[in-house]
C-alpha atoms as a PDB file:
ATOM      1  CA  ASP A   1     112.443  92.530 118.827  1.00  0.00           C
ATOM      2  CA  ASP A   2     109.370  93.094 120.969  1.00  0.00           C
ATOM      3  CA  LEU A   3     106.488  91.908 118.804  1.00  0.00           C
ATOM      4  CA  MET A   4     104.002  93.449 121.233  1.00  0.00           C
ATOM      5  CA  GLU A   5     105.477  96.955 121.079  1.00  0.00           C
ATOM      6  CA  GLY A   6     102.766  99.448 120.283  1.00  0.00           C
ATOM      7  CA  VAL A   7     100.030  96.797 120.466  1.00  0.00           C
ATOM      8  CA  GLU A   8      96.987  97.692 122.536  1.00  0.00           C
ATOM      9  CA  ILE A   9      95.790  94.656 124.495  1.00  0.00           C
ATOM     10  CA  ASP A  10      92.143  94.817 125.517  1.00  0.00           C
ATOM     11  CA  TYR A  11      91.981  91.579 127.519  1.00  0.00           C
ATOM     12  CA  SER A  12      94.833  89.926 129.402  1.00  0.00           C
ATOM     13  CA  GLY A  13      95.379  87.718 132.437  1.00  0.00           C
ATOM     14  CA  THR A  14      92.210  86.803 134.300  1.00  0.00           C
ATOM     15  CA  ASP A  15      90.160  89.058 131.979  1.00  0.00           C
ATOM     16  CA  VAL A  16      90.540  86.404 129.263  1.00  0.00           C
ATOM     17  CA  THR A  17      87.425  84.312 129.813  1.00  0.00           C
ATOM     18  CA  VAL A  18      84.989  82.332 127.694  1.00  0.00           C
ATOM     19  CA  ASP A  19      82.338  84.963 128.356  1.00  0.00           C
ATOM     20  CA  ALA A  20      84.622  87.822 127.236  1.00  0.00           C
ATOM     21  CA  PHE A  21      85.610  85.889 124.116  1.00  0.00           C
ATOM     22  CA  LEU A  22      81.998  85.331 123.082  1.00  0.00           C
ATOM     23  CA  ARG A  23      80.962  88.910 123.911  1.00  0.00           C
ATOM     24  CA  VAL A  24      83.693  90.371 121.690  1.00  0.00           C
ATOM     25  CA  LEU A  25      82.515  88.293 118.730  1.00  0.00           C
ATOM     26  CA  LEU A  26      78.903  89.326 119.336  1.00  0.00           C
ATOM     27  CA  GLY A  27      79.688  92.978 120.053  1.00  0.00           C
ATOM     28  CA  ARG A  28      78.218  92.999 123.540  1.00  0.00           C
ATOM     29  CA  ASN A  29      79.879  95.306 126.048  1.00  0.00           C
ATOM     30  CA  LEU A  30      79.749  94.903 129.781  1.00  0.00           C
ATOM     31  CA  PRO A  31      78.468  97.959 131.712  1.00  0.00           C
ATOM     32  CA  GLY A  32      81.174 100.631 131.629  1.00  0.00           C
ATOM     33  CA  GLU A  33      83.134  99.117 128.736  1.00  0.00           C
ATOM     34  CA  GLY A  34      83.688 101.327 125.735  1.00  0.00           C
ATOM     35  CA  GLU A  35      82.687 104.482 127.631  1.00  0.00           C
ATOM     36  CA  THR A  36      85.019 107.467 127.718  1.00  0.00           C
ATOM     37  CA  ASN A  37      84.794 107.743 131.493  1.00  0.00           C
ATOM     38  CA  GLY A  38      84.396 104.038 132.141  1.00  0.00           C
ATOM     39  CA  LEU A  39      86.765 101.841 134.070  1.00  0.00           C
ATOM     40  CA  HIS A  40      87.509  99.906 130.890  1.00  0.00           C
ATOM     41  CA  ARG A  41      87.996 101.807 127.639  1.00  0.00           C
ATOM     42  CA  ARG A  42      87.789  98.724 125.459  1.00  0.00           C
ATOM     43  CA  SER A  43      86.289  99.438 122.082  1.00  0.00           C
ATOM     44  CA  LEU A  44      84.810  96.338 120.459  1.00  0.00           C
ATOM     45  CA  PRO A  45      85.600  95.939 116.755  1.00  0.00           C
ATOM     46  CA  LYS A  46      82.968  97.172 114.331  1.00  0.00           C
ATOM     47  CA  MET A  47      81.837  94.205 112.290  1.00  0.00           C
ATOM     48  CA  ASP A  48      79.240  93.890 109.551  1.00  0.00           C
ATOM     49  CA  GLU A  49      78.428  91.777 106.498  1.00  0.00           C
ATOM     50  CA  ASN A  50      81.607  93.071 104.776  1.00  0.00           C
ATOM     51  CA  THR A  51      83.995  92.120 107.599  1.00  0.00           C
ATOM     52  CA  ASN A  52      86.480  89.248 107.392  1.00  0.00           C
ATOM     53  CA  VAL A  53      87.090  87.791 110.847  1.00  0.00           C
ATOM     54  CA  MET A  54      89.996  85.612 111.961  1.00  0.00           C
ATOM     55  CA  VAL A  55      89.635  83.568 115.163  1.00  0.00           C
ATOM     56  CA  LEU A  56      92.792  81.856 116.446  1.00  0.00           C
ATOM     57  CA  LEU A  57      92.864  79.494 119.421  1.00  0.00           C
ATOM     58  CA  THR A  58      96.240  78.263 120.646  1.00  0.00           C
ATOM     59  CA  GLY A  59      96.926  76.490 123.929  1.00  0.00           C
ATOM     60  CA  HIS A  60      95.664  73.336 125.625  1.00  0.00           C
ATOM     61  CA  GLY A  61      92.658  71.474 124.320  1.00  0.00           C
ATOM     62  CA  GLY A  62      91.165  68.098 123.578  1.00  0.00           C
ATOM     63  CA  ASP A  63      88.242  66.406 121.899  1.00  0.00           C
ATOM     64  CA  ASN A  64      85.711  69.220 121.260  1.00  0.00           C
ATOM     65  CA  PHE A  65      87.044  71.566 123.982  1.00  0.00           C
ATOM     66  CA  PHE A  66      89.620  74.300 124.513  1.00  0.00           C
ATOM     67  CA  LYS A  67      90.880  75.406 127.934  1.00  0.00           C
ATOM     68  CA  PHE A  68      90.717  78.988 129.210  1.00  0.00           C
ATOM     69  CA  GLN A  69      93.090  79.646 132.138  1.00  0.00           C
ATOM     70  CA  ASP A  70      92.844  75.960 133.140  1.00  0.00           C
ATOM     71  CA  GLY A  71      89.650  76.995 134.925  1.00  0.00           C
ATOM     72  CA  GLU A  72      86.938  76.811 132.252  1.00  0.00           C
ATOM     73  CA  GLU A  73      86.464  75.364 128.817  1.00  0.00           C
ATOM     74  CA  LEU A  74      85.234  76.623 125.479  1.00  0.00           C
ATOM     75  CA  MET A  75      83.308  73.836 123.770  1.00  0.00           C
ATOM     76  CA  SER A  76      82.925  73.180 120.050  1.00  0.00           C
ATOM     77  CA  ASN A  77      79.165  73.801 120.351  1.00  0.00           C
ATOM     78  CA  ASP A  78      79.992  77.257 121.836  1.00  0.00           C
ATOM     79  CA  ILE A  79      81.984  78.040 118.695  1.00  0.00           C
ATOM     80  CA  ALA A  80      79.164  76.795 116.461  1.00  0.00           C
ATOM     81  CA  SER A  81      76.589  78.795 118.422  1.00  0.00           C
ATOM     82  CA  VAL A  82      78.501  82.098 118.349  1.00  0.00           C
ATOM     83  CA  PHE A  83      79.220  81.743 114.622  1.00  0.00           C
ATOM     84  CA  SER A  84      75.529  81.065 113.988  1.00  0.00           C
ATOM     85  CA  GLN A  85      74.569  84.186 115.931  1.00  0.00           C
ATOM     86  CA  MET A  86      77.136  86.242 114.035  1.00  0.00           C
ATOM     87  CA  TYR A  87      75.685  84.964 110.773  1.00  0.00           C
ATOM     88  CA  ALA A  88      72.158  85.923 111.859  1.00  0.00           C
ATOM     89  CA  MET A  89      73.387  89.350 113.020  1.00  0.00           C
ATOM     90  CA  LYS A  90      75.333  89.887 109.748  1.00  0.00           C
ATOM     91  CA  ARG A  91      78.596  90.359 111.633  1.00  0.00           C
ATOM     92  CA  TYR A  92      80.905  88.733 109.105  1.00  0.00           C
ATOM     93  CA  LYS A  93      81.528  88.153 105.432  1.00  0.00           C
ATOM     94  CA  GLU A  94      83.969  85.272 105.896  1.00  0.00           C
ATOM     95  CA  ILE A  95      85.522  83.706 108.991  1.00  0.00           C
ATOM     96  CA  LEU A  96      88.904  82.021 109.223  1.00  0.00           C
ATOM     97  CA  PHE A  97      88.851  79.749 112.275  1.00  0.00           C
ATOM     98  CA  ILE A  98      92.273  78.325 113.263  1.00  0.00           C
ATOM     99  CA  SER A  99      92.722  75.987 116.221  1.00  0.00           C
ATOM    100  CA  ASP A 100      96.255  75.019 117.286  1.00  0.00           C
ATOM    101  CA  THR A 101      95.749  72.521 120.116  1.00  0.00           C
ATOM    102  CA  CYS A 102      95.653  68.805 120.652  1.00  0.00           C
ATOM    103  CA  GLN A 103      92.768  67.293 118.647  1.00  0.00           C
ATOM    104  CA  ALA A 104      92.321  70.797 117.282  1.00  0.00           C
ATOM    105  CA  PHE A 105      90.115  70.092 114.281  1.00  0.00           C
ATOM    106  CA  THR A 106      87.356  68.681 116.485  1.00  0.00           C
ATOM    107  CA  MET A 107      86.588  72.295 117.528  1.00  0.00           C
ATOM    108  CA  ALA A 108      85.008  72.739 114.075  1.00  0.00           C
ATOM    109  CA  ASP A 109      82.743  69.690 114.293  1.00  0.00           C
ATOM    110  CA  GLU A 110      79.542  71.612 115.007  1.00  0.00           C
ATOM    111  CA  ILE A 111      79.933  74.547 112.598  1.00  0.00           C
ATOM    112  CA  LYS A 112      77.017  74.645 110.147  1.00  0.00           C
ATOM    113  CA  VAL A 113      76.950  78.230 108.856  1.00  0.00           C
ATOM    114  CA  PRO A 114      78.378  79.278 105.459  1.00  0.00           C
ATOM    115  CA  ASN A 115      81.699  80.948 104.660  1.00  0.00           C
ATOM    116  CA  VAL A 116      83.691  79.675 107.628  1.00  0.00           C
ATOM    117  CA  TYR A 117      87.145  78.307 106.750  1.00  0.00           C
ATOM    118  CA  SER A 118      88.189  75.912 109.507  1.00  0.00           C
ATOM    119  CA  VAL A 119      91.766  74.707 110.082  1.00  0.00           C
ATOM    120  CA  GLY A 120      93.133  72.548 112.915  1.00  0.00           C
ATOM    121  CA  SER A 121      96.756  71.631 113.610  1.00  0.00           C
ATOM    122  CA  SER A 122      95.772  68.067 114.565  1.00  0.00           C
ATOM    123  CA  LEU A 123      92.913  65.627 114.031  1.00  0.00           C
ATOM    124  CA  LYS A 124      90.861  63.646 116.529  1.00  0.00           C
ATOM    125  CA  ASP A 125      93.055  61.535 118.870  1.00  0.00           C
ATOM    126  CA  GLN A 126      96.181  63.366 117.684  1.00  0.00           C
ATOM    127  CA  ASN A 127      98.488  65.663 119.653  1.00  0.00           C
ATOM    128  CA  SER A 128      99.810  69.086 118.723  1.00  0.00           C
ATOM    129  CA  TYR A 129     103.317  69.730 120.003  1.00  0.00           C
ATOM    130  CA  ALA A 130     105.125  72.779 121.310  1.00  0.00           C
ATOM    131  CA  SER A 131     108.201  74.038 119.479  1.00  0.00           C
ATOM    132  CA  HIS A 132     110.354  75.332 122.354  1.00  0.00           C
ATOM    133  CA  SER A 133     110.153  76.931 125.777  1.00  0.00           C
ATOM    134  CA  ASP A 134     111.468  80.154 127.285  1.00  0.00           C
ATOM    135  CA  PRO A 135     113.367  79.441 130.541  1.00  0.00           C
ATOM    136  CA  GLN A 136     112.568  82.918 131.872  1.00  0.00           C
ATOM    137  CA  VAL A 137     108.863  82.541 131.229  1.00  0.00           C
ATOM    138  CA  GLY A 138     108.819  78.861 132.156  1.00  0.00           C
ATOM    139  CA  GLN A 139     106.323  78.068 129.393  1.00  0.00           C
ATOM    140  CA  SER A 140     106.228  76.996 125.786  1.00  0.00           C
ATOM    141  CA  VAL A 141     106.075  80.150 123.703  1.00  0.00           C
ATOM    142  CA  ILE A 142     104.887  78.785 120.343  1.00  0.00           C
ATOM    143  CA  ASP A 143     103.595  75.554 118.854  1.00  0.00           C
ATOM    144  CA  ARG A 144     105.302  73.769 115.985  1.00  0.00           C
ATOM    145  CA  TYR A 145     102.416  74.374 113.619  1.00  0.00           C
ATOM    146  CA  SER A 146     102.405  78.136 114.182  1.00  0.00           C
ATOM    147  CA  LYS A 147     106.212  78.355 114.052  1.00  0.00           C
ATOM    148  CA  VAL A 148     106.442  76.556 110.707  1.00  0.00           C
ATOM    149  CA  ILE A 149     104.042  79.064 109.136  1.00  0.00           C
ATOM    150  CA  LYS A 150     105.762  82.040 110.760  1.00  0.00           C
ATOM    151  CA  ASP A 151     109.254  80.928 109.674  1.00  0.00           C
ATOM    152  CA  PHE A 152     108.158  80.212 106.107  1.00  0.00           C
ATOM    153  CA  VAL A 153     106.452  83.589 105.728  1.00  0.00           C
ATOM    154  CA  ASP A 154     109.435  85.359 107.335  1.00  0.00           C
ATOM    155  CA  ASP A 155     111.814  83.704 104.856  1.00  0.00           C
ATOM    156  CA  ALA A 156     109.563  84.650 101.947  1.00  0.00           C
ATOM    157  CA  VAL A 157     109.406  88.250 103.186  1.00  0.00           C
ATOM    158  CA  THR A 158     113.210  88.385 103.438  1.00  0.00           C
ATOM    159  CA  MET A 159     113.602  87.080  99.886  1.00  0.00           C
ATOM    160  CA  THR A 160     111.000  89.556  98.621  1.00  0.00           C
ATOM    161  CA  SER A 161     112.654  92.471 100.413  1.00  0.00           C
ATOM    162  CA  THR A 162     116.113  91.717  99.009  1.00  0.00           C
ATOM    163  CA  SER A 163     115.014  90.888  95.463  1.00  0.00           C
ATOM    164  CA  LYS A 164     115.957  93.657  93.052  1.00  0.00           C
ATOM    165  CA  THR A 165     113.792  92.274  90.283  1.00  0.00           C
ATOM    166  CA  ASP A 166     110.642  92.076  92.359  1.00  0.00           C
ATOM    167  CA  THR A 167     107.868  94.506  91.448  1.00  0.00           C
ATOM    168  CA  MET A 168     105.065  95.124  93.930  1.00  0.00           C
ATOM    169  CA  SER A 169     101.597  96.329  93.160  1.00  0.00           C
ATOM    170  CA  SER A 170     100.822  99.875  94.189  1.00  0.00           C
ATOM    171  CA  SER A 171      98.255  98.494  96.622  1.00  0.00           C
ATOM    172  CA  LEU A 172     100.939  96.729  98.678  1.00  0.00           C
ATOM    173  CA  ASP A 173     102.442  98.747 101.500  1.00  0.00           C
ATOM    174  CA  SER A 174     105.168  96.295 102.601  1.00  0.00           C
ATOM    175  CA  ALA A 175     107.003  93.129 101.650  1.00  0.00           C
ATOM    176  CA  THR A 176     104.993  91.204 104.251  1.00  0.00           C
ATOM    177  CA  VAL A 177     101.684  92.119 102.630  1.00  0.00           C
ATOM    178  CA  ALA A 178     103.171  91.359  99.208  1.00  0.00           C
ATOM    179  CA  VAL A 179     103.936  87.817 100.362  1.00  0.00           C
ATOM    180  CA  MET A 180     100.489  87.437 101.895  1.00  0.00           C
ATOM    181  CA  GLU A 181      98.919  88.510  98.607  1.00  0.00           C
ATOM    182  CA  ARG A 182     100.695  85.621  96.855  1.00  0.00           C
ATOM    183  CA  PHE A 183     100.028  82.856  99.391  1.00  0.00           C
ATOM    184  CA  ASN A 184      96.561  81.345  99.540  1.00  0.00           C
ATOM    185  CA  LEU A 185      95.008  79.909 102.703  1.00  0.00           C
ATOM    186  CA  HIS A 186      95.488  76.283 101.681  1.00  0.00           C
ATOM    187  CA  ASP A 187      99.161  76.656 100.834  1.00  0.00           C
ATOM    188  CA  ALA A 188     100.032  78.734 103.905  1.00  0.00           C
ATOM    189  CA  LEU A 189      97.964  76.951 106.551  1.00  0.00           C
ATOM    190  CA  VAL A 190      97.793  73.365 105.260  1.00  0.00           C
ATOM    191  CA  ARG A 191     100.344  72.410 102.616  1.00  0.00           C
ATOM    192  CA  ILE A 192     103.392  74.257 104.014  1.00  0.00           C
ATOM    193  CA  PRO A 193     103.041  72.924 107.596  1.00  0.00           C
ATOM    194  CA  MET A 194     102.499  69.399 106.273  1.00  0.00           C
ATOM    195  CA  THR A 195     105.448  69.418 103.857  1.00  0.00           C
ATOM    196  CA  HIS A 196     107.976  71.779 105.488  1.00  0.00           C
ATOM    197  CA  GLY A 197     107.543  71.182 109.196  1.00  0.00           C
ATOM    198  CA  GLU A 198     107.943  68.514 111.861  1.00  0.00           C
ATOM    199  CA  LEU A 199     104.522  68.668 113.450  1.00  0.00           C
ATOM    200  CA  GLY A 200     105.059  65.504 115.456  1.00  0.00           C
ATOM    201  CA  ALA A 201     104.277  61.811 115.208  1.00  0.00           C
ATOM    202  CA  ASN A 202     101.038  61.172 113.332  1.00  0.00           C
ATOM    203  CA  SER A 203      99.955  64.851 113.507  1.00  0.00           C
ATOM    204  CA  LYS A 204      97.945  65.890 110.449  1.00  0.00           C
ATOM    205  CA  VAL A 205      96.408  69.240 109.610  1.00  0.00           C
ATOM    206  CA  GLY A 206      92.643  69.225 109.200  1.00  0.00           C
ATOM    207  CA  HIS A 207      90.781  71.756 107.078  1.00  0.00           C
ATOM    208  CA  THR A 208      87.435  72.379 105.415  1.00  0.00           C
ATOM    209  CA  ASP A 209      85.840  74.941 103.098  1.00  0.00           C
ATOM    210  CA  SER A 210      82.777  72.871 102.240  1.00  0.00           C
ATOM    211  CA  LEU A 211      80.230  75.617 102.971  1.00  0.00           C
ATOM    212  CA  CYS A 212      82.292  78.489 101.571  1.00  0.00           C
ATOM    213  CA  SER A 213      81.673  80.453  98.394  1.00  0.00           C
ATOM    214  CA  ARG A 214      85.409  80.299  97.598  1.00  0.00           C
ATOM    215  CA  LYS A 215      87.872  77.449  97.955  1.00  0.00           C
ATOM    216  CA  MET A 216      90.819  77.930 100.306  1.00  0.00           C
ATOM    217  CA  ASN A 217      93.280  77.887  97.417  1.00  0.00           C
ATOM    218  CA  GLN A 218      91.461  80.908  95.957  1.00  0.00           C
ATOM    219  CA  VAL A 219      91.671  83.078  99.096  1.00  0.00           C
ATOM    220  CA  PRO A 220      94.807  85.219  99.590  1.00  0.00           C
ATOM    221  CA  LEU A 221      96.312  85.121 103.068  1.00  0.00           C
ATOM    222  CA  SER A 222      96.088  88.913 103.126  1.00  0.00           C
ATOM    223  CA  ASP A 223      92.279  88.720 103.204  1.00  0.00           C
ATOM    224  CA  PHE A 224      92.589  87.832 106.899  1.00  0.00           C
ATOM    225  CA  PHE A 225      96.132  88.792 107.935  1.00  0.00           C
ATOM    226  CA  ALA A 226      96.216  92.321 106.513  1.00  0.00           C
ATOM    227  CA  ALA A 227      94.015  95.381 106.260  1.00  0.00           C
ATOM    228  CA  PRO A 228      91.386  95.293 103.504  1.00  0.00           C
ATOM    229  CA  LEU A 229      92.602  96.087 100.002  1.00  0.00           C
ATOM    230  CA  GLU A 230      90.640  99.338  99.919  1.00  0.00           C
ATOM    231  CA  GLU A 231      92.216 100.449 103.196  1.00  0.00           C
ATOM    232  CA  ARG A 232      95.730  99.568 101.999  1.00  0.00           C
ATOM    233  CA  GLU A 233      95.163 101.481  98.759  1.00  0.00           C
ATOM    234  CA  ARG A 234      93.894 104.459 100.755  1.00  0.00           C
ATOM    235  CA  GLN A 235      96.996 104.357 102.970  1.00  0.00           C
ATOM    236  CA  MET A 236      99.248 104.038  99.929  1.00  0.00           C
ATOM    237  CA  LYS A 237      97.594 107.064  98.292  1.00  0.00           C
ATOM    238  CA  GLN A 238      98.095 109.060 101.466  1.00  0.00           C
ATOM    239  CA  ARG A 239     101.768 108.098 101.583  1.00  0.00           C
ATOM    240  CA  GLN A 240     102.255 108.837  97.893  1.00  0.00           C
ATOM    241  CA  HIS A 241     100.514 112.187  98.319  1.00  0.00           C
ATOM    242  CA  ALA A 242     102.726 113.003 101.290  1.00  0.00           C
ATOM    243  CA  ALA A 243     105.821 111.977  99.333  1.00  0.00           C
ATOM    244  CA  SER A 244     104.736 114.087  96.340  1.00  0.00           C
ATOM    245  CA  ALA A 245     104.026 117.046  98.603  1.00  0.00           C
ATOM    246  CA  SER A 246     107.439 116.654 100.199  1.00  0.00           C
ATOM    247  CA  LEU A 247     109.113 116.447  96.798  1.00  0.00           C
ATOM    248  CA  TRP A 248     107.135 119.441  95.548  1.00  0.00           C
ATOM    249  CA  MET A 249     108.209 121.430  98.581  1.00  0.00           C
ATOM    250  CA  ASN A 250     111.829 120.526  97.907  1.00  0.00           C
ATOM    251  CA  GLU A 251     111.456 121.574  94.272  1.00  0.00           C
ATOM    252  CA  SER A 252     109.773 124.809  95.352  1.00  0.00           C
ATOM    253  CA  ASN A 253     112.584 125.620  97.732  1.00  0.00           C
ATOM    254  CA  PHE A 254     115.141 124.889  95.053  1.00  0.00           C
ATOM    255  CA  THR A 255     113.339 127.079  92.507  1.00  0.00           C
ATOM    256  CA  SER A 256     112.970 129.896  95.001  1.00  0.00           C
ATOM    257  CA  SER A 257     116.676 129.813  95.790  1.00  0.00           C
ATOM    258  CA  GLU A 258     117.464 129.763  92.100  1.00  0.00           C
ATOM    259  CA  GLN A 259     115.245 132.807  91.541  1.00  0.00           C
ATOM    260  CA  GLU A 260     116.906 134.641  94.388  1.00  0.00           C
ATOM    261  CA  PHE A 261     120.272 133.909  92.832  1.00  0.00           C
ATOM    262  CA  VAL A 262     119.090 135.232  89.487  1.00  0.00           C
ATOM    263  CA  VAL A 263     117.813 138.440  91.076  1.00  0.00           C
ATOM    264  CA  GLU A 264     121.128 138.916  92.800  1.00  0.00           C
ATOM    265  CA  LYS A 265     122.964 138.514  89.501  1.00  0.00           C
ATOM    266  CA  GLU A 266     120.688 141.097  87.902  1.00  0.00           C
ATOM    267  CA  CYS A 267     121.834 143.647  90.515  1.00  0.00           C
ATOM    268  CA  VAL A 268     125.487 143.222  89.519  1.00  0.00           C
ATOM    269  CA  LEU A 269     126.724 144.997  86.412  1.00  0.00           C
ATOM    270  CA  PRO A 270     127.808 142.365  83.910  1.00  0.00           C
ATOM    271  CA  GLU A 271     131.482 142.327  83.032  1.00  0.00           C
ATOM    272  CA  ALA A 272     130.786 142.658  79.323  1.00  0.00           C
ATOM    273  CA  THR A 273     128.865 145.914  79.931  1.00  0.00           C
ATOM    274  CA  ILE A 274     131.714 147.411  81.966  1.00  0.00           C
ATOM    275  CA  ASN A 275     133.996 147.172  78.938  1.00  0.00           C
ATOM    276  CA  ASP A 276     131.587 149.276  76.836  1.00  0.00           C
ATOM    277  CA  SER A 277     133.055 152.793  76.199  1.00  0.00           C
ATOM    278  CA  PRO A 278     130.008 154.872  77.280  1.00  0.00           C
ATOM    279  CA  VAL A 279     130.043 153.267  80.688  1.00  0.00           C
ATOM    280  CA  LYS A 280     133.825 153.699  81.015  1.00  0.00           C
ATOM    281  CA  GLU A 281     133.531 157.405  80.211  1.00  0.00           C
ATOM    282  CA  GLU A 282     130.799 157.862  82.773  1.00  0.00           C
ATOM    283  CA  ILE A 283     132.901 156.222  85.446  1.00  0.00           C
ATOM    284  CA  ARG A 284     136.039 158.239  84.618  1.00  0.00           C
ATOM    285  CA  ASP A 285     134.182 161.580  84.495  1.00  0.00           C
ATOM    286  CA  GLY A 286     132.763 160.984  87.892  1.00  0.00           C
ATOM    287  CA  MET A 287     136.143 160.362  89.596  1.00  0.00           C
ATOM    288  CA  SER A 288     137.945 163.655  90.467  1.00  0.00           C
ATOM    289  CA  VAL A 289     141.195 161.922  91.449  1.00  0.00           C
ATOM    290  CA  PHE A 290     141.987 161.719  87.761  1.00  0.00           C
ATOM    291  CA  ASP A 291     141.265 165.393  87.066  1.00  0.00           C
ATOM    292  CA  LEU A 292     144.249 167.024  85.144  1.00  0.00           C
ATOM    293  CA  LYS A 293     144.227 170.220  87.167  1.00  0.00           C
ATOM    294  CA  PHE A 294     144.482 168.307  90.369  1.00  0.00           C
ATOM    295  CA  ILE A 295     147.405 166.297  88.994  1.00  0.00           C
ATOM    296  CA  ALA A 296     149.267 169.448  87.877  1.00  0.00           C
ATOM    297  CA  ALA A 297     148.775 171.102  91.283  1.00  0.00           C
ATOM    298  CA  ALA A 298     150.114 168.053  93.019  1.00  0.00           C
ATOM    299  CA  ILE A 299     153.218 167.977  90.827  1.00  0.00           C
ATOM    300  CA  GLY A 300     153.838 171.686  91.408  1.00  0.00           C
ATOM    301  CA  LEU A 301     153.596 171.226  95.189  1.00  0.00           C
ATOM    302  CA  VAL A 302     156.143 168.413  95.079  1.00  0.00           C
ATOM    303  CA  LEU A 303     158.616 170.547  93.075  1.00  0.00           C
ATOM    304  CA  PHE A 304     158.164 173.488  95.439  1.00  0.00           C
ATOM    305  CA  MET A 305     158.890 171.351  98.475  1.00  0.00           C
ATOM    306  CA  ASN A 306     161.965 169.958  96.789  1.00  0.00           C
ATOM    307  CA  MET A 307     163.364 173.449  96.071  1.00  0.00           C
ATOM    308  CA  VAL A 308     162.756 174.662  99.649  1.00  0.00           C
ATOM    309  CA  SER A 309     164.583 171.683 101.083  1.00  0.00           C
ATOM    310  CA  ARG A 310     167.612 172.317  98.910  1.00  0.00           C
ATOM    311  CA  LYS A 311     167.755 176.010  99.904  1.00  0.00           C
ATOM    312  CA  TRP A 312     167.818 175.143 103.558  1.00  0.00           C
END
């Protein structure tokens, strides 16, 4: 399956730069971006103090740096600075910062603002390994850390989808979201990779929630990997309303057909009424073929014709 089908990509190729990355988080457009008639119709996400933001870095990195296009580097102090500005600008409620690189957790060293959950697939002086490569692409397509999480969630979704005894809340619009509601950040991003995956020799997952109002084991995965609960409930209500409207229309059509059938039956004389004597008399009196005079005349004509034929 094409996981990118229907996905709108705002930045790709050489457009993916450190400057573009920081501008998106801060909501700062370049001239012409976001305009209807502009060369670039990128619309930056609307973020405020009620927005949960997930930032994922995956690729090549090292001690306190992450590479962009092998031409420039994003430093850990850049991450700390942009998060501090976002906090001052009230552009987030909580941030989930995931780094999947070599020495990944060092990218969170400088973060000092509250409500930022930081996770790294490796600690200082540790490597983070690729899972497998695509011979057509000629590159590694996913790291072991990311693949372990993906495979575990996929398996859980499959089990949830096929379970006949499973009951989902009305706010859940799919089995995937149902699973994400049940997993917390610590289990999904720390415990599962450490216990169910081969991350590589001496690779350990680093994490911190020290400045957060909630602990990672209290935060559902869906808070960052799915639409907000209010939005999901709104979508569910829309779907339920559409389903009810569709069912009502079907019932209306059925009732209308039934009424038409009843009207048609009312236009046909019931069999029991036909057997009533007044109706039988009315029918017989109106049919001249049974008139006695006509019958006698017909018999007389037949006898006359018979006598003529014998005479000849």
